[in-house]
Amino acid sequence: MNETTYSETQIQPVQKELSLGQWLLTLLLLAIPIVNLIVLCIWAFGANNPRKKFSQAYLIWIAISIVIGIIFFFLSFFFFSSIEDSYYYY
């Protein structure tokens, strides 16, 4: 018997580049609150598309921004509450 061996390389489909109109639509969708999070999650965790890496990076930046915002909120809360306590001199 003659057996044929095949290489174990995977064939990756070539992804086409996004046009200017597609990028404008992408930026328009990302400017709408709540819709942007839904669309980013679909693009980041869905099928392989040209926006996948961009969406993952954008979600990481959103998470970093939320964490920094929470830190600043608590720091300012504690700072202003300590100032408020110092004004009670009778």
Protein backbone atom coordinates (compact mmCIF):
# COMPACT_ATOMS: atom_id res chain seq x y z
CA MET A 1 0.00 0.00 0.00
CA ASN A 2 1.19 3.43 -0.90
CA GLU A 3 0.36 6.01 1.80
CA THR A 4 0.48 9.71 1.13
CA THR A 5 1.55 11.98 3.96
CA TYR A 6 0.25 15.50 4.23
CA SER A 7 1.90 18.36 6.00
CA GLU A 8 0.14 19.57 9.10
CA THR A 9 -0.02 23.20 8.11
CA GLN A 10 -3.28 24.99 8.46
CA ILE A 11 -4.51 27.14 5.66
CA GLN A 12 -5.53 30.53 6.97
CA PRO A 13 -8.07 32.51 4.95
CA VAL A 14 -6.77 35.84 3.77
CA GLN A 15 -8.56 38.71 5.44
CA LYS A 16 -9.28 41.68 3.30
CA GLU A 17 -8.51 45.18 4.43
CA LEU A 18 -11.36 47.42 5.57
CA SER A 19 -12.32 50.28 3.30
CA LEU A 20 -12.60 53.89 4.42
CA GLY A 21 -16.40 53.64 4.55
CA GLN A 22 -16.21 50.54 6.75
CA TRP A 23 -13.86 52.33 9.15
CA LEU A 24 -16.21 55.34 9.27
CA LEU A 25 -19.10 53.02 10.10
CA THR A 26 -16.96 51.33 12.76
CA LEU A 27 -16.13 54.64 14.41
CA LEU A 28 -19.78 55.73 14.23
CA LEU A 29 -20.91 52.55 16.00
CA LEU A 30 -18.24 52.99 18.66
CA ALA A 31 -19.45 56.54 19.37
CA ILE A 32 -22.89 55.32 20.51
CA PRO A 33 -22.98 54.44 24.25
CA ILE A 34 -23.95 50.87 25.21
CA VAL A 35 -24.08 49.89 21.53
CA ASN A 36 -20.29 50.21 21.39
CA LEU A 37 -19.80 47.64 24.17
CA ILE A 38 -22.16 45.17 22.51
CA VAL A 39 -20.55 45.59 19.08
CA LEU A 40 -17.03 45.38 20.52
CA CYS A 41 -17.86 42.14 22.35
CA ILE A 42 -19.35 40.64 19.18
CA TRP A 43 -16.29 41.60 17.13
CA ALA A 44 -13.74 40.66 19.81
CA PHE A 45 -15.14 37.25 20.76
CA GLY A 46 -17.00 36.31 17.59
CA ALA A 47 -15.82 34.87 14.33
CA ASN A 48 -12.52 35.83 12.79
CA ASN A 49 -12.88 39.26 11.21
CA PRO A 50 -10.59 42.21 10.41
CA ARG A 51 -11.77 44.12 13.51
CA LYS A 52 -11.01 41.33 16.02
CA LYS A 53 -7.65 42.56 17.37
CA PHE A 54 -8.79 46.18 17.29
CA SER A 55 -11.89 45.29 19.33
CA GLN A 56 -9.88 43.31 21.88
CA ALA A 57 -7.45 46.20 22.34
CA TYR A 58 -10.32 48.69 22.64
CA LEU A 59 -12.00 46.59 25.32
CA ILE A 60 -8.73 46.43 27.26
CA TRP A 61 -8.48 50.24 27.14
CA ILE A 62 -12.08 50.55 28.35
CA ALA A 63 -11.34 48.21 31.29
CA ILE A 64 -8.19 50.19 32.20
CA SER A 65 -10.14 53.45 32.03
CA ILE A 66 -12.86 52.10 34.31
CA VAL A 67 -10.32 50.92 36.90
CA ILE A 68 -8.51 54.28 36.85
CA GLY A 69 -11.85 56.12 37.14
CA ILE A 70 -12.86 54.04 40.17
CA ILE A 71 -9.49 54.70 41.83
CA PHE A 72 -9.79 58.47 41.25
CA PHE A 73 -13.38 58.44 42.52
CA PHE A 74 -12.39 56.85 45.83
CA LEU A 75 -9.30 59.02 46.20
CA SER A 76 -11.32 62.19 45.65
CA PHE A 77 -14.08 60.94 47.97
CA PHE A 78 -11.61 60.34 50.81
CA PHE A 79 -9.79 63.62 50.11
CA PHE A 80 -12.94 65.75 50.17
CA SER A 81 -14.38 63.94 53.18
CA SER A 82 -11.18 64.67 55.12
CA ILE A 83 -11.38 68.36 54.14
CA GLU A 84 -15.00 68.51 55.22
CA ASP A 85 -14.12 67.18 58.68
CA SER A 86 -11.47 69.87 59.18
CA TYR A 87 -14.01 72.76 58.84
CA TYR A 88 -15.85 71.99 62.07
CA TYR A 89 -14.14 74.41 64.46
CA TYR A 90 -16.36 76.04 67.07
